[in-house]
Amino acid sequence: KSFVIQYRTPEGKPKRAVIGRYGLMTVEEARRLAHEKLVAV
């Protein structure tokens, strides 16, 4: 099980990326990291 984010790149292309593995990262840690990256989007 891995945490992922899904978004569109600046070119408009859909993209999905793994940001961490469950077990090595908690749900709340992953949520904070995902929020940071989606703000960048």
Full PDB file with SEQRES, HELIX, SHEET, SSBOND, CRYST1, ORIGX, SCALE, CONECT and MASTER records, all heavy atoms in Angstrom:
SEQRES   1 A   41  LYS SER PHE VAL ILE GLN TYR ARG THR PRO GLU GLY LYS          
SEQRES   2 A   41  PRO LYS ARG ALA VAL ILE GLY ARG TYR GLY LEU MET THR          
SEQRES   3 A   41  VAL GLU GLU ALA ARG ARG LEU ALA HIS GLU LYS LEU VAL          
SEQRES   4 A   41  ALA VAL                                                      
HELIX    1 AA1 VAL A   27  ALA A   40  1                                  14    
SHEET    1 AA1 2 SER A   2  ARG A   8  0                                        
SHEET    2 AA1 2 PRO A  14  ARG A  21 -1                                        
CRYST1    1.000    1.000    1.000  90.00  90.00  90.00 P 1           1          
ORIGX1      1.000000  0.000000  0.000000        0.00000                         
ORIGX2      0.000000  1.000000  0.000000        0.00000                         
ORIGX3      0.000000  0.000000  1.000000        0.00000                         
SCALE1      1.000000  0.000000  0.000000        0.00000                         
SCALE2      0.000000  1.000000  0.000000        0.00000                         
SCALE3      0.000000  0.000000  1.000000        0.00000                         
ATOM      1  N   LYS A   1       0.850  -1.196   0.000  1.00  0.00           N  
ATOM      2  CA  LYS A   1       0.000   0.000   0.000  1.00  0.00           C  
ATOM      3  C   LYS A   1       0.882   1.241   0.000  1.00  0.00           C  
ATOM      4  O   LYS A   1       1.804   1.346   0.820  1.00  0.00           O  
ATOM      5  CB  LYS A   1      -0.932   0.011   1.217  1.00  0.00           C  
ATOM      6  CG  LYS A   1      -1.899  -1.170   1.243  1.00  0.00           C  
ATOM      7  CD  LYS A   1      -2.703  -1.212   2.534  1.00  0.00           C  
ATOM      8  CE  LYS A   1      -3.616  -2.442   2.575  1.00  0.00           C  
ATOM      9  NZ  LYS A   1      -4.391  -2.533   3.831  1.00  0.00           N  
ATOM     10  N   SER A   2       0.590   2.157  -0.913  1.00  0.00           N  
ATOM     11  CA  SER A   2       1.382   3.381  -1.035  1.00  0.00           C  
ATOM     12  C   SER A   2       0.460   4.582  -1.132  1.00  0.00           C  
ATOM     13  O   SER A   2      -0.636   4.504  -1.704  1.00  0.00           O  
ATOM     14  CB  SER A   2       2.280   3.329  -2.274  1.00  0.00           C  
ATOM     15  OG  SER A   2       3.170   2.233  -2.223  1.00  0.00           O  
ATOM     16  N   PHE A   3       0.919   5.703  -0.597  1.00  0.00           N  
ATOM     17  CA  PHE A   3       0.174   6.950  -0.725  1.00  0.00           C  
ATOM     18  C   PHE A   3       0.507   7.591  -2.067  1.00  0.00           C  
ATOM     19  O   PHE A   3       1.663   7.582  -2.513  1.00  0.00           O  
ATOM     20  CB  PHE A   3       0.529   7.905   0.407  1.00  0.00           C  
ATOM     21  CG  PHE A   3       0.156   7.389   1.763  1.00  0.00           C  
ATOM     22  CD1 PHE A   3       1.129   6.943   2.640  1.00  0.00           C  
ATOM     23  CD2 PHE A   3      -1.178   7.345   2.159  1.00  0.00           C  
ATOM     24  CE1 PHE A   3       0.784   6.467   3.887  1.00  0.00           C  
ATOM     25  CE2 PHE A   3      -1.536   6.865   3.405  1.00  0.00           C  
ATOM     26  CZ  PHE A   3      -0.548   6.424   4.278  1.00  0.00           C  
ATOM     27  N   VAL A   4      -0.510   8.146  -2.719  1.00  0.00           N  
ATOM     28  CA  VAL A   4      -0.320   8.746  -4.036  1.00  0.00           C  
ATOM     29  C   VAL A   4      -1.021  10.106  -4.090  1.00  0.00           C  
ATOM     30  O   VAL A   4      -1.906  10.406  -3.290  1.00  0.00           O  
ATOM     31  CB  VAL A   4      -0.881   7.838  -5.159  1.00  0.00           C  
ATOM     32  CG1 VAL A   4      -0.141   6.516  -5.213  1.00  0.00           C  
ATOM     33  CG2 VAL A   4      -2.383   7.609  -4.985  1.00  0.00           C  
ATOM     34  N   ILE A   5      -0.571  10.910  -5.047  1.00  0.00           N  
ATOM     35  CA  ILE A   5      -1.305  12.118  -5.399  1.00  0.00           C  
ATOM     36  C   ILE A   5      -1.606  12.047  -6.888  1.00  0.00           C  
ATOM     37  O   ILE A   5      -0.862  11.445  -7.665  1.00  0.00           O  
ATOM     38  CB  ILE A   5      -0.523  13.417  -5.072  1.00  0.00           C  
ATOM     39  CG1 ILE A   5       0.849  13.424  -5.745  1.00  0.00           C  
ATOM     40  CG2 ILE A   5      -0.426  13.605  -3.576  1.00  0.00           C  
ATOM     41  CD1 ILE A   5       1.569  14.755  -5.631  1.00  0.00           C  
ATOM     42  N   GLN A   6      -2.709  12.640  -7.265  1.00  0.00           N  
ATOM     43  CA  GLN A   6      -3.123  12.682  -8.669  1.00  0.00           C  
ATOM     44  C   GLN A   6      -3.462  14.127  -9.024  1.00  0.00           C  
ATOM     45  O   GLN A   6      -4.180  14.806  -8.283  1.00  0.00           O  
ATOM     46  CB  GLN A   6      -4.330  11.780  -8.886  1.00  0.00           C  
ATOM     47  CG  GLN A   6      -4.766  11.663 -10.340  1.00  0.00           C  
ATOM     48  CD  GLN A   6      -5.747  10.514 -10.534  1.00  0.00           C  
ATOM     49  OE1 GLN A   6      -5.362   9.360 -10.568  1.00  0.00           O  
ATOM     50  NE2 GLN A   6      -7.020  10.848 -10.632  1.00  0.00           N  
ATOM     51  N   TYR A   7      -2.920  14.611 -10.143  1.00  0.00           N  
ATOM     52  CA  TYR A   7      -3.075  16.020 -10.491  1.00  0.00           C  
ATOM     53  C   TYR A   7      -2.797  16.190 -11.981  1.00  0.00           C  
ATOM     54  O   TYR A   7      -2.493  15.219 -12.689  1.00  0.00           O  
ATOM     55  CB  TYR A   7      -2.103  16.878  -9.674  1.00  0.00           C  
ATOM     56  CG  TYR A   7      -0.645  16.503  -9.860  1.00  0.00           C  
ATOM     57  CD1 TYR A   7       0.165  17.201 -10.746  1.00  0.00           C  
ATOM     58  CD2 TYR A   7      -0.079  15.441  -9.155  1.00  0.00           C  
ATOM     59  CE1 TYR A   7       1.496  16.857 -10.923  1.00  0.00           C  
ATOM     60  CE2 TYR A   7       1.240  15.095  -9.328  1.00  0.00           C  
ATOM     61  CZ  TYR A   7       2.036  15.802 -10.217  1.00  0.00           C  
ATOM     62  OH  TYR A   7       3.344  15.452 -10.401  1.00  0.00           O  
ATOM     63  N   ARG A   8      -2.901  17.430 -12.444  1.00  0.00           N  
ATOM     64  CA  ARG A   8      -2.525  17.751 -13.815  1.00  0.00           C  
ATOM     65  C   ARG A   8      -1.260  18.591 -13.806  1.00  0.00           C  
ATOM     66  O   ARG A   8      -1.117  19.509 -13.009  1.00  0.00           O  
ATOM     67  CB  ARG A   8      -3.656  18.497 -14.539  1.00  0.00           C  
ATOM     68  CG  ARG A   8      -4.834  17.603 -14.882  1.00  0.00           C  
ATOM     69  CD  ARG A   8      -5.840  18.281 -15.791  1.00  0.00           C  
ATOM     70  NE  ARG A   8      -6.915  17.373 -16.156  1.00  0.00           N  
ATOM     71  CZ  ARG A   8      -6.876  16.526 -17.178  1.00  0.00           C  
ATOM     72  NH1 ARG A   8      -5.799  16.501 -17.956  1.00  0.00           N  
ATOM     73  NH2 ARG A   8      -7.880  15.738 -17.447  1.00  0.00           N  
ATOM     74  N   THR A   9      -0.334  18.272 -14.694  1.00  0.00           N  
ATOM     75  CA  THR A   9       0.910  19.013 -14.801  1.00  0.00           C  
ATOM     76  C   THR A   9       0.632  20.393 -15.390  1.00  0.00           C  
ATOM     77  O   THR A   9      -0.462  20.650 -15.902  1.00  0.00           O  
ATOM     78  CB  THR A   9       1.897  18.276 -15.717  1.00  0.00           C  
ATOM     79  OG1 THR A   9       1.383  18.286 -17.065  1.00  0.00           O  
ATOM     80  CG2 THR A   9       2.090  16.834 -15.260  1.00  0.00           C  
ATOM     81  N   PRO A  10       1.614  21.309 -15.352  1.00  0.00           N  
ATOM     82  CA  PRO A  10       1.415  22.619 -15.979  1.00  0.00           C  
ATOM     83  C   PRO A  10       1.081  22.536 -17.464  1.00  0.00           C  
ATOM     84  O   PRO A  10       0.488  23.461 -18.009  1.00  0.00           O  
ATOM     85  CB  PRO A  10       2.766  23.312 -15.754  1.00  0.00           C  
ATOM     86  CG  PRO A  10       3.299  22.689 -14.513  1.00  0.00           C  
ATOM     87  CD  PRO A  10       2.881  21.245 -14.596  1.00  0.00           C  
ATOM     88  N   GLU A  11       1.438  21.411 -18.108  1.00  0.00           N  
ATOM     89  CA  GLU A  11       1.096  21.220 -19.516  1.00  0.00           C  
ATOM     90  C   GLU A  11      -0.307  20.674 -19.694  1.00  0.00           C  
ATOM     91  O   GLU A  11      -0.763  20.481 -20.819  1.00  0.00           O  
ATOM     92  CB  GLU A  11       2.094  20.264 -20.185  1.00  0.00           C  
ATOM     93  CG  GLU A  11       3.521  20.777 -20.221  1.00  0.00           C  
ATOM     94  CD  GLU A  11       4.229  20.630 -18.876  1.00  0.00           C  
ATOM     95  OE1 GLU A  11       3.933  19.674 -18.141  1.00  0.00           O  
ATOM     96  OE2 GLU A  11       5.060  21.504 -18.563  1.00  0.00           O  
ATOM     97  N   GLY A  12      -1.006  20.399 -18.579  1.00  0.00           N  
ATOM     98  CA  GLY A  12      -2.380  19.900 -18.662  1.00  0.00           C  
ATOM     99  C   GLY A  12      -2.504  18.392 -18.731  1.00  0.00           C  
ATOM    100  O   GLY A  12      -3.599  17.864 -18.945  1.00  0.00           O  
ATOM    101  N   LYS A  13      -1.400  17.669 -18.537  1.00  0.00           N  
ATOM    102  CA  LYS A  13      -1.439  16.210 -18.631  1.00  0.00           C  
ATOM    103  C   LYS A  13      -1.738  15.597 -17.261  1.00  0.00           C  
ATOM    104  O   LYS A  13      -1.168  16.016 -16.249  1.00  0.00           O  
ATOM    105  CB  LYS A  13      -0.097  15.679 -19.145  1.00  0.00           C  
ATOM    106  CG  LYS A  13       0.251  16.137 -20.544  1.00  0.00           C  
ATOM    107  CD  LYS A  13       1.593  15.587 -20.973  1.00  0.00           C  
ATOM    108  CE  LYS A  13       1.948  16.052 -22.383  1.00  0.00           C  
ATOM    109  NZ  LYS A  13       3.278  15.537 -22.804  1.00  0.00           N  
ATOM    110  N   PRO A  14      -2.632  14.591 -17.199  1.00  0.00           N  
ATOM    111  CA  PRO A  14      -2.903  13.937 -15.918  1.00  0.00           C  
ATOM    112  C   PRO A  14      -1.682  13.166 -15.441  1.00  0.00           C  
ATOM    113  O   PRO A  14      -0.967  12.552 -16.242  1.00  0.00           O  
ATOM    114  CB  PRO A  14      -4.077  13.002 -16.239  1.00  0.00           C  
ATOM    115  CG  PRO A  14      -4.001  12.770 -17.711  1.00  0.00           C  
ATOM    116  CD  PRO A  14      -3.439  14.023 -18.299  1.00  0.00           C  
ATOM    117  N   LYS A  15      -1.424  13.199 -14.141  1.00  0.00           N  
ATOM    118  CA  LYS A  15      -0.249  12.516 -13.594  1.00  0.00           C  
ATOM    119  C   LYS A  15      -0.580  11.962 -12.227  1.00  0.00           C  
ATOM    120  O   LYS A  15      -1.287  12.588 -11.442  1.00  0.00           O  
ATOM    121  CB  LYS A  15       0.923  13.504 -13.494  1.00  0.00           C  
ATOM    122  CG  LYS A  15       2.253  12.869 -13.075  1.00  0.00           C  
ATOM    123  CD  LYS A  15       3.374  13.886 -13.209  1.00  0.00           C  
ATOM    124  CE  LYS A  15       4.727  13.287 -12.866  1.00  0.00           C  
ATOM    125  NZ  LYS A  15       5.834  14.271 -13.078  1.00  0.00           N  
ATOM    126  N   ARG A  16      -0.082  10.767 -11.951  1.00  0.00           N  
ATOM    127  CA  ARG A  16      -0.257  10.130 -10.648  1.00  0.00           C  
ATOM    128  C   ARG A  16       1.119   9.736 -10.148  1.00  0.00           C  
ATOM    129  O   ARG A  16       1.917   9.179 -10.897  1.00  0.00           O  
ATOM    130  CB  ARG A  16      -1.158   8.909 -10.772  1.00  0.00           C  
ATOM    131  CG  ARG A  16      -1.471   8.217  -9.443  1.00  0.00           C  
ATOM    132  CD  ARG A  16      -2.275   6.959  -9.687  1.00  0.00           C  
ATOM    133  NE  ARG A  16      -3.564   7.264 -10.274  1.00  0.00           N  
ATOM    134  CZ  ARG A  16      -4.205   6.472 -11.134  1.00  0.00           C  
ATOM    135  NH1 ARG A  16      -3.654   5.331 -11.539  1.00  0.00           N  
ATOM    136  NH2 ARG A  16      -5.377   6.823 -11.616  1.00  0.00           N  
ATOM    137  N   ALA A  17       1.408  10.014  -8.878  1.00  0.00           N  
ATOM    138  CA  ALA A  17       2.744   9.745  -8.357  1.00  0.00           C  
ATOM    139  C   ALA A  17       2.670   9.241  -6.929  1.00  0.00           C  
ATOM    140  O   ALA A  17       1.840   9.689  -6.137  1.00  0.00           O  
ATOM    141  CB  ALA A  17       3.597  11.010  -8.416  1.00  0.00           C  
ATOM    142  N   VAL A  18       3.551   8.303  -6.600  1.00  0.00           N  
ATOM    143  CA  VAL A  18       3.656   7.771  -5.242  1.00  0.00           C  
ATOM    144  C   VAL A  18       4.467   8.752  -4.405  1.00  0.00           C  
ATOM    145  O   VAL A  18       5.531   9.219  -4.824  1.00  0.00           O  
ATOM    146  CB  VAL A  18       4.343   6.395  -5.251  1.00  0.00           C  
ATOM    147  CG1 VAL A  18       4.607   5.921  -3.822  1.00  0.00           C  
ATOM    148  CG2 VAL A  18       3.480   5.372  -5.983  1.00  0.00           C  
ATOM    149  N   ILE A  19       3.978   9.065  -3.200  1.00  0.00           N  
ATOM    150  CA  ILE A  19       4.700   9.992  -2.322  1.00  0.00           C  
ATOM    151  C   ILE A  19       5.212   9.306  -1.060  1.00  0.00           C  
ATOM    152  O   ILE A  19       5.942   9.928  -0.281  1.00  0.00           O  
ATOM    153  CB  ILE A  19       3.814  11.193  -1.929  1.00  0.00           C  
ATOM    154  CG1 ILE A  19       2.561  10.739  -1.184  1.00  0.00           C  
ATOM    155  CG2 ILE A  19       3.457  12.019  -3.158  1.00  0.00           C  
ATOM    156  CD1 ILE A  19       1.768  11.906  -0.591  1.00  0.00           C  
ATOM    157  N   GLY A  20       4.857   8.050  -0.856  1.00  0.00           N  
ATOM    158  CA  GLY A  20       5.356   7.343   0.317  1.00  0.00           C  
ATOM    159  C   GLY A  20       4.682   5.999   0.487  1.00  0.00           C  
ATOM    160  O   GLY A  20       3.601   5.751  -0.062  1.00  0.00           O  
ATOM    161  N   ARG A  21       5.322   5.110   1.227  1.00  0.00           N  
ATOM    162  CA  ARG A  21       4.772   3.770   1.465  1.00  0.00           C  
ATOM    163  C   ARG A  21       4.096   3.706   2.818  1.00  0.00           C  
ATOM    164  O   ARG A  21       4.642   4.178   3.828  1.00  0.00           O  
ATOM    165  CB  ARG A  21       5.886   2.719   1.393  1.00  0.00           C  
ATOM    166  CG  ARG A  21       5.391   1.275   1.540  1.00  0.00           C  
ATOM    167  CD  ARG A  21       6.547   0.311   1.468  1.00  0.00           C  
ATOM    168  NE  ARG A  21       7.224   0.377   0.179  1.00  0.00           N  
ATOM    169  CZ  ARG A  21       8.289  -0.359  -0.138  1.00  0.00           C  
ATOM    170  NH1 ARG A  21       8.793  -1.212   0.750  1.00  0.00           N  
ATOM    171  NH2 ARG A  21       8.836  -0.244  -1.323  1.00  0.00           N  
ATOM    172  N   TYR A  22       2.898   3.141   2.821  1.00  0.00           N  
ATOM    173  CA  TYR A  22       2.171   2.974   4.079  1.00  0.00           C  
ATOM    174  C   TYR A  22       2.937   1.999   4.965  1.00  0.00           C  
ATOM    175  O   TYR A  22       3.368   0.936   4.515  1.00  0.00           O  
ATOM    176  CB  TYR A  22       0.764   2.446   3.810  1.00  0.00           C  
ATOM    177  CG  TYR A  22      -0.060   2.261   5.068  1.00  0.00           C  
ATOM    178  CD1 TYR A  22      -0.256   3.312   5.944  1.00  0.00           C  
ATOM    179  CD2 TYR A  22      -0.625   1.026   5.376  1.00  0.00           C  
ATOM    180  CE1 TYR A  22      -1.005   3.158   7.100  1.00  0.00           C  
ATOM    181  CE2 TYR A  22      -1.394   0.854   6.523  1.00  0.00           C  
ATOM    182  CZ  TYR A  22      -1.569   1.926   7.379  1.00  0.00           C  
ATOM    183  OH  TYR A  22      -2.320   1.771   8.535  1.00  0.00           O  
ATOM    184  N   GLY A  23       3.094   2.355   6.216  1.00  0.00           N  
ATOM    185  CA  GLY A  23       3.897   1.560   7.141  1.00  0.00           C  
ATOM    186  C   GLY A  23       5.177   2.288   7.476  1.00  0.00           C  
ATOM    187  O   GLY A  23       5.603   2.319   8.637  1.00  0.00           O  
ATOM    188  N   LEU A  24       5.795   2.883   6.437  1.00  0.00           N  
ATOM    189  CA  LEU A  24       6.952   3.737   6.662  1.00  0.00           C  
ATOM    190  C   LEU A  24       6.506   5.177   6.893  1.00  0.00           C  
ATOM    191  O   LEU A  24       7.251   5.986   7.435  1.00  0.00           O  
ATOM    192  CB  LEU A  24       7.905   3.676   5.465  1.00  0.00           C  
ATOM    193  CG  LEU A  24       8.483   2.297   5.137  1.00  0.00           C  
ATOM    194  CD1 LEU A  24       9.378   2.375   3.915  1.00  0.00           C  
ATOM    195  CD2 LEU A  24       9.263   1.752   6.332  1.00  0.00           C  
ATOM    196  N   MET A  25       5.302   5.488   6.458  1.00  0.00           N  
ATOM    197  CA  MET A  25       4.717   6.820   6.609  1.00  0.00           C  
ATOM    198  C   MET A  25       3.303   6.660   7.141  1.00  0.00           C  
ATOM    199  O   MET A  25       2.558   5.797   6.675  1.00  0.00           O  
ATOM    200  CB  MET A  25       4.709   7.535   5.255  1.00  0.00           C  
ATOM    201  CG  MET A  25       4.063   8.912   5.250  1.00  0.00           C  
ATOM    202  SD  MET A  25       4.056   9.642   3.582  1.00  0.00           S  
ATOM    203  CE  MET A  25       5.783  10.069   3.402  1.00  0.00           C  
ATOM    204  N   THR A  26       2.917   7.465   8.097  1.00  0.00           N  
ATOM    205  CA  THR A  26       1.557   7.404   8.627  1.00  0.00           C  
ATOM    206  C   THR A  26       0.595   8.123   7.695  1.00  0.00           C  
ATOM    207  O   THR A  26       1.014   8.884   6.810  1.00  0.00           O  
ATOM    208  CB  THR A  26       1.472   8.040  10.020  1.00  0.00           C  
ATOM    209  OG1 THR A  26       1.683   9.460   9.897  1.00  0.00           O  
ATOM    210  CG2 THR A  26       2.500   7.445  10.963  1.00  0.00           C  
ATOM    211  N   VAL A  27      -0.687   7.907   7.913  1.00  0.00           N  
ATOM    212  CA  VAL A  27      -1.695   8.576   7.097  1.00  0.00           C  
ATOM    213  C   VAL A  27      -1.596  10.088   7.246  1.00  0.00           C  
ATOM    214  O   VAL A  27      -1.666  10.833   6.262  1.00  0.00           O  
ATOM    215  CB  VAL A  27      -3.113   8.096   7.471  1.00  0.00           C  
ATOM    216  CG1 VAL A  27      -4.165   8.877   6.693  1.00  0.00           C  
ATOM    217  CG2 VAL A  27      -3.256   6.597   7.194  1.00  0.00           C  
ATOM    218  N   GLU A  28      -1.416  10.564   8.466  1.00  0.00           N  
ATOM    219  CA  GLU A  28      -1.374  12.011   8.689  1.00  0.00           C  
ATOM    220  C   GLU A  28      -0.105  12.623   8.110  1.00  0.00           C  
ATOM    221  O   GLU A  28      -0.135  13.748   7.601  1.00  0.00           O  
ATOM    222  CB  GLU A  28      -1.502  12.328  10.185  1.00  0.00           C  
ATOM    223  CG  GLU A  28      -2.893  12.074  10.734  1.00  0.00           C  
ATOM    224  CD  GLU A  28      -3.976  12.716   9.873  1.00  0.00           C  
ATOM    225  OE1 GLU A  28      -3.864  13.923   9.578  1.00  0.00           O  
ATOM    226  OE2 GLU A  28      -4.932  12.017   9.491  1.00  0.00           O  
ATOM    227  N   GLU A  29       1.015  11.915   8.179  1.00  0.00           N  
ATOM    228  CA  GLU A  29       2.241  12.402   7.545  1.00  0.00           C  
ATOM    229  C   GLU A  29       2.042  12.504   6.032  1.00  0.00           C  
ATOM    230  O   GLU A  29       2.454  13.487   5.398  1.00  0.00           O  
ATOM    231  CB  GLU A  29       3.409  11.470   7.860  1.00  0.00           C  
ATOM    232  CG  GLU A  29       3.901  11.561   9.298  1.00  0.00           C  
ATOM    233  CD  GLU A  29       4.919  10.487   9.636  1.00  0.00           C  
ATOM    234  OE1 GLU A  29       4.976   9.456   8.913  1.00  0.00           O  
ATOM    235  OE2 GLU A  29       5.649  10.662  10.625  1.00  0.00           O  
ATOM    236  N   ALA A  30       1.399  11.494   5.473  1.00  0.00           N  
ATOM    237  CA  ALA A  30       1.146  11.500   4.029  1.00  0.00           C  
ATOM    238  C   ALA A  30       0.172  12.607   3.645  1.00  0.00           C  
ATOM    239  O   ALA A  30       0.331  13.254   2.610  1.00  0.00           O  
ATOM    240  CB  ALA A  30       0.586  10.144   3.595  1.00  0.00           C  
ATOM    241  N   ARG A  31      -0.826  12.857   4.490  1.00  0.00           N  
ATOM    242  CA  ARG A  31      -1.805  13.910   4.203  1.00  0.00           C  
ATOM    243  C   ARG A  31      -1.114  15.288   4.173  1.00  0.00           C  
ATOM    244  O   ARG A  31      -1.378  16.093   3.281  1.00  0.00           O  
ATOM    245  CB  ARG A  31      -2.923  13.904   5.252  1.00  0.00           C  
ATOM    246  CG  ARG A  31      -4.037  14.917   4.970  1.00  0.00           C  
ATOM    247  CD  ARG A  31      -5.044  14.927   6.115  1.00  0.00           C  
ATOM    248  NE  ARG A  31      -5.645  13.622   6.283  1.00  0.00           N  
ATOM    249  CZ  ARG A  31      -6.655  13.174   5.546  1.00  0.00           C  
ATOM    250  NH1 ARG A  31      -7.188  13.953   4.605  1.00  0.00           N  
ATOM    251  NH2 ARG A  31      -7.152  11.973   5.763  1.00  0.00           N  
ATOM    252  N   ARG A  32      -0.216  15.513   5.131  1.00  0.00           N  
ATOM    253  CA  ARG A  32       0.496  16.798   5.159  1.00  0.00           C  
ATOM    254  C   ARG A  32       1.383  16.962   3.919  1.00  0.00           C  
ATOM    255  O   ARG A  32       1.426  18.043   3.316  1.00  0.00           O  
ATOM    256  CB  ARG A  32       1.339  16.911   6.430  1.00  0.00           C  
ATOM    257  CG  ARG A  32       0.522  17.162   7.687  1.00  0.00           C  
ATOM    258  CD  ARG A  32       1.400  17.568   8.852  1.00  0.00           C  
ATOM    259  NE  ARG A  32       2.282  16.478   9.277  1.00  0.00           N  
ATOM    260  CZ  ARG A  32       1.951  15.584  10.207  1.00  0.00           C  
ATOM    261  NH1 ARG A  32       0.759  15.643  10.803  1.00  0.00           N  
ATOM    262  NH2 ARG A  32       2.806  14.642  10.550  1.00  0.00           N  
ATOM    263  N   LEU A  33       2.085  15.899   3.546  1.00  0.00           N  
ATOM    264  CA  LEU A  33       2.945  15.968   2.367  1.00  0.00           C  
ATOM    265  C   LEU A  33       2.121  16.149   1.096  1.00  0.00           C  
ATOM    266  O   LEU A  33       2.482  16.938   0.207  1.00  0.00           O  
ATOM    267  CB  LEU A  33       3.792  14.697   2.269  1.00  0.00           C  
ATOM    268  CG  LEU A  33       4.747  14.619   1.075  1.00  0.00           C  
ATOM    269  CD1 LEU A  33       5.731  15.786   1.082  1.00  0.00           C  
ATOM    270  CD2 LEU A  33       5.496  13.278   1.084  1.00  0.00           C  
ATOM    271  N   ALA A  34       1.000  15.432   1.002  1.00  0.00           N  
ATOM    272  CA  ALA A  34       0.130  15.553  -0.164  1.00  0.00           C  
ATOM    273  C   ALA A  34      -0.418  16.967  -0.276  1.00  0.00           C  
ATOM    274  O   ALA A  34      -0.476  17.544  -1.375  1.00  0.00           O  
ATOM    275  CB  ALA A  34      -1.015  14.543  -0.078  1.00  0.00           C  
ATOM    276  N   HIS A  35      -0.826  17.542   0.855  1.00  0.00           N  
ATOM    277  CA  HIS A  35      -1.349  18.910   0.843  1.00  0.00           C  
ATOM    278  C   HIS A  35      -0.282  19.881   0.331  1.00  0.00           C  
ATOM    279  O   HIS A  35      -0.562  20.759  -0.498  1.00  0.00           O  
ATOM    280  CB  HIS A  35      -1.795  19.308   2.250  1.00  0.00           C  
ATOM    281  CG  HIS A  35      -2.334  20.697   2.334  1.00  0.00           C  
ATOM    282  ND1 HIS A  35      -1.551  21.779   2.675  1.00  0.00           N  
ATOM    283  CD2 HIS A  35      -3.585  21.198   2.098  1.00  0.00           C  
ATOM    284  CE1 HIS A  35      -2.275  22.880   2.647  1.00  0.00           C  
ATOM    285  NE2 HIS A  35      -3.512  22.553   2.305  1.00  0.00           N  
ATOM    286  N   GLU A  36       0.948  19.719   0.799  1.00  0.00           N  
ATOM    287  CA  GLU A  36       2.050  20.581   0.374  1.00  0.00           C  
ATOM    288  C   GLU A  36       2.258  20.497  -1.139  1.00  0.00           C  
ATOM    289  O   GLU A  36       2.420  21.508  -1.821  1.00  0.00           O  
ATOM    290  CB  GLU A  36       3.323  20.158   1.110  1.00  0.00           C  
ATOM    291  CG  GLU A  36       4.573  20.909   0.695  1.00  0.00           C  
ATOM    292  CD  GLU A  36       5.797  20.366   1.393  1.00  0.00           C  
ATOM    293  OE1 GLU A  36       5.718  20.073   2.609  1.00  0.00           O  
ATOM    294  OE2 GLU A  36       6.842  20.223   0.734  1.00  0.00           O  
ATOM    295  N   LYS A  37       2.248  19.279  -1.670  1.00  0.00           N  
ATOM    296  CA  LYS A  37       2.496  19.086  -3.098  1.00  0.00           C  
ATOM    297  C   LYS A  37       1.311  19.556  -3.945  1.00  0.00           C  
ATOM    298  O   LYS A  37       1.496  20.116  -5.032  1.00  0.00           O  
ATOM    299  CB  LYS A  37       2.827  17.615  -3.379  1.00  0.00           C  
ATOM    300  CG  LYS A  37       4.168  17.199  -2.786  1.00  0.00           C  
ATOM    301  CD  LYS A  37       4.547  15.794  -3.167  1.00  0.00           C  
ATOM    302  CE  LYS A  37       5.921  15.422  -2.598  1.00  0.00           C  
ATOM    303  NZ  LYS A  37       7.005  16.279  -3.137  1.00  0.00           N  
ATOM    304  N   LEU A  38       0.101  19.373  -3.468  1.00  0.00           N  
ATOM    305  CA  LEU A  38      -1.067  19.811  -4.222  1.00  0.00           C  
ATOM    306  C   LEU A  38      -1.204  21.330  -4.206  1.00  0.00           C  
ATOM    307  O   LEU A  38      -1.736  21.919  -5.152  1.00  0.00           O  
ATOM    308  CB  LEU A  38      -2.323  19.133  -3.677  1.00  0.00           C  
ATOM    309  CG  LEU A  38      -2.373  17.615  -3.925  1.00  0.00           C  
ATOM    310  CD1 LEU A  38      -3.522  16.971  -3.143  1.00  0.00           C  
ATOM    311  CD2 LEU A  38      -2.508  17.301  -5.416  1.00  0.00           C  
ATOM    312  N   VAL A  39      -0.718  21.970  -3.156  1.00  0.00           N  
ATOM    313  CA  VAL A  39      -0.659  23.436  -3.149  1.00  0.00           C  
ATOM    314  C   VAL A  39       0.299  23.906  -4.242  1.00  0.00           C  
ATOM    315  O   VAL A  39       0.021  24.883  -4.946  1.00  0.00           O  
ATOM    316  CB  VAL A  39      -0.217  23.965  -1.768  1.00  0.00           C  
ATOM    317  CG1 VAL A  39       0.172  25.442  -1.848  1.00  0.00           C  
ATOM    318  CG2 VAL A  39      -1.341  23.787  -0.753  1.00  0.00           C  
ATOM    319  N   ALA A  40       1.426  23.213  -4.398  1.00  0.00           N  
ATOM    320  CA  ALA A  40       2.367  23.553  -5.463  1.00  0.00           C  
ATOM    321  C   ALA A  40       1.714  23.420  -6.832  1.00  0.00           C  
ATOM    322  O   ALA A  40       1.951  24.236  -7.733  1.00  0.00           O  
ATOM    323  CB  ALA A  40       3.606  22.655  -5.374  1.00  0.00           C  
ATOM    324  N   VAL A  41       0.872  22.403  -7.003  1.00  0.00           N  
ATOM    325  CA  VAL A  41       0.144  22.228  -8.264  1.00  0.00           C  
ATOM    326  C   VAL A  41      -0.720  23.448  -8.543  1.00  0.00           C  
ATOM    327  O   VAL A  41      -0.781  23.951  -9.673  1.00  0.00           O  
ATOM    328  CB  VAL A  41      -0.722  20.952  -8.230  1.00  0.00           C  
ATOM    329  CG1 VAL A  41      -1.642  20.888  -9.447  1.00  0.00           C  
ATOM    330  CG2 VAL A  41       0.161  19.713  -8.175  1.00  0.00           C  
TER     331      VAL A  41                                                      
MASTER        0    0    0    1    2    0    0    6  330    1    0    4          
END                                                                             
